[in-house]
Amino acid sequence: MLWFNHLLQFREIEADLSKGCSPEALEKSRIAIDGELELLSKFHKEYPNSPLNKYISDRDPKLLSQLEDYKSKYGNSWTVPQCAK
């Protein structure tokens, strides 16, 4: 289900970009990235010895330390911008 939801997000961002709604697409990307970081942070804290840690550190060595105390920039609510074009 998560993969499907990601696909829908990517399609929406792509549609915004194709219509020339770059600011809306950028904000949607930022919201999606924030959500993924929040999920990774929670998983990292709950399972600190997971093989995921090596996978992450091999690809983005600075990310693990960011996940330790990651706080969502949006909190529990946000407004998804809509492309008006």
Protein backbone atom coordinates (compact mmCIF):
# COMPACT_ATOMS: atom_id res chain seq x y z
CA MET A 1 0.00 0.00 0.00
CA LEU A 2 2.87 2.37 0.76
CA TRP A 3 4.39 1.77 -2.66
CA PHE A 4 1.07 2.52 -4.28
CA ASN A 5 0.67 5.70 -2.23
CA HIS A 6 4.19 6.76 -3.25
CA LEU A 7 3.30 6.17 -6.86
CA LEU A 8 0.25 8.42 -6.49
CA GLN A 9 2.40 11.13 -4.89
CA PHE A 10 4.95 10.96 -7.70
CA ARG A 11 2.20 11.15 -10.32
CA GLU A 12 0.70 14.20 -8.63
CA ILE A 13 4.08 15.94 -8.46
CA GLU A 14 4.74 15.05 -12.10
CA ALA A 15 1.34 16.44 -13.11
CA ASP A 16 2.05 19.69 -11.26
CA LEU A 17 5.41 20.04 -12.98
CA SER A 18 3.92 19.34 -16.41
CA LYS A 19 1.37 22.12 -15.80
CA GLY A 20 4.06 24.57 -14.71
CA CYS A 21 3.19 24.48 -11.00
CA SER A 22 6.76 24.22 -9.74
CA PRO A 23 6.20 25.81 -6.31
CA GLU A 24 3.34 23.40 -5.58
CA ALA A 25 5.37 20.42 -6.79
CA LEU A 26 8.33 21.50 -4.66
CA GLU A 27 6.19 21.80 -1.53
CA LYS A 28 4.60 18.39 -2.18
CA SER A 29 8.11 16.94 -2.53
CA ARG A 30 9.16 18.54 0.74
CA ILE A 31 6.11 17.15 2.53
CA ALA A 32 6.81 13.66 1.14
CA ILE A 33 10.49 13.81 2.12
CA ASP A 34 9.57 14.96 5.61
CA GLY A 35 7.15 12.05 5.99
CA GLU A 36 9.74 9.52 4.84
CA LEU A 37 12.34 10.95 7.22
CA GLU A 38 9.87 10.76 10.08
CA LEU A 39 9.14 7.09 9.32
CA LEU A 40 12.84 6.27 8.99
CA SER A 41 13.56 8.05 12.26
CA LYS A 42 10.89 6.11 14.14
CA PHE A 43 12.10 2.81 12.70
CA HIS A 44 15.73 3.66 13.46
CA LYS A 45 14.89 4.49 17.08
CA GLU A 46 12.79 1.36 17.55
CA TYR A 47 15.27 -0.98 15.85
CA PRO A 48 18.74 0.54 16.34
CA ASN A 49 20.53 -2.66 15.31
CA SER A 50 18.57 -3.20 12.12
CA PRO A 51 20.43 -4.03 8.89
CA LEU A 52 18.79 -0.87 7.58
CA ASN A 53 21.39 1.17 9.48
CA LYS A 54 24.25 -0.26 7.39
CA TYR A 55 22.23 0.20 4.22
CA ILE A 56 21.64 3.87 5.09
CA SER A 57 25.20 4.58 6.26
CA ASP A 58 26.64 3.06 3.07
CA ARG A 59 24.55 5.45 0.96
CA ASP A 60 24.20 8.57 3.12
CA PRO A 61 26.62 8.50 6.08
CA LYS A 62 25.24 11.69 7.66
CA LEU A 63 21.62 10.57 7.66
CA LEU A 64 21.76 8.21 10.67
CA SER A 65 22.81 11.01 13.01
CA GLN A 66 19.99 13.18 11.63
CA LEU A 67 17.49 10.40 12.29
CA GLU A 68 18.45 10.23 15.96
CA ASP A 69 16.60 13.42 16.81
CA TYR A 70 14.54 14.09 13.70
CA LYS A 71 11.45 16.24 14.21
CA SER A 72 8.91 16.77 11.47
CA LYS A 73 8.87 20.28 10.06
CA TYR A 74 5.13 19.97 9.55
CA GLY A 75 4.02 18.36 12.80
CA ASN A 76 0.77 16.43 12.61
CA SER A 77 -0.94 18.59 10.02
CA TRP A 78 -0.08 20.42 6.83
CA THR A 79 -1.76 21.85 3.80
CA VAL A 80 -1.03 20.19 0.49
CA PRO A 81 -0.83 22.90 -2.16
CA GLN A 82 -3.05 22.53 -5.20
CA CYS A 83 -2.04 23.42 -8.73
CA ALA A 84 -4.53 25.98 -10.07
CA LYS A 85 -3.41 25.78 -13.70
